[in-house]
Amino acid sequence: MEKVRSHRQTARLREIDIFFRDTGTAGPAILCLHGRYGRGATWADFIRNYGKEYRIIAPDQRGHGLSGKPVAKYTAGEMADDMVELVKHLKLGQVIVVGHSMGGRVAGHLAALHPEVVLALAILDKSASGPAGPVTLPLDQAPTIDPLTHDWPMPFASREKAREFIRSVVGSDLSCDYFMESLVGTPEGFRMLFSSQAMAANIAYEENWFHLLHKIKCPVLMVRATGSGAVSDQDFASMQALIPHCTAREIPHADHNVHLGDKERFYACFDEWLKGL
């Protein structure tokens, strides 16, 4: 497959700098939102598949990668507001939004609360379930240490040592590759680019968002990996019932990275959905 070039840029928005990759190609724009701990770089295969026909924008969301990392709650609403600003900054008009995991939650809020910038929405392996909101925990009382990575032996001495350890923790090569995208060399060794405070806050302030689903009026594709456990049967059915224009697909794969676990099946259903827009 011919390589698609993406340009690395930083948008200086009102409250935060957002780093993003942009193919700059002609055609409809697709905004790709990664999951927690991820980066825009995790969409590399998606960019290779669609970068010739679509303009792909893949940001590092706040708290992640090379984007700003302010002390904040990192709610889905805050992160959706960043993306509204980015879309307007780039003068994109309406975009197709694809969100994986945490990015699916952000994408869902974006479509429900800012329909003027969303042409269509794809939610990849993310449920609308969560603690009943609103979460009223004051920011100065919120946890600041990420519960997943707090005891990882960072800095790692080498990329090889990092990969060996991460693979033993996350359980799959795809998930390991996902984390490796956030690994960066420092004078002390190899560390993760994401903010521990951001990850902890994003978890602490996650809320149930079933109440927003009926507000999503654009076409929606919802894809789940049947073996990942991220979206229960009940949640999958409930989300379909609440979203007015929903196409639902299941991919029989255990990895939460549903767009990478079985690429042939994923791209087949995504292609079909795109053609119907």
Foldseek 3Di string as FASTA:
>chain_A
DDAQAWDWDWDDFDPWIKIKTKSPEDAAEEEEAEAPLFALVLCRVVCRVCVHHYIYIRIGFEQADPMHDDLDLLELLVRLVVVVRVCVSVVRFAHEYEYAESGLSNQLCNLLVPVRRHQEYEYALAFLADAADQDPDDSVPFDQAAPQCNPPPPPDAALVRQLVVLCVRPVDPSVSVRNSNQWDADPVHIDGRGGRRSNRSHRSRRHRDLVRQLSRQHAYEYEHAVQQPNADPVRLVSSVVRHPHYDYYYDPFRDSPVCPRDVVVNVVVVVVVVVVD
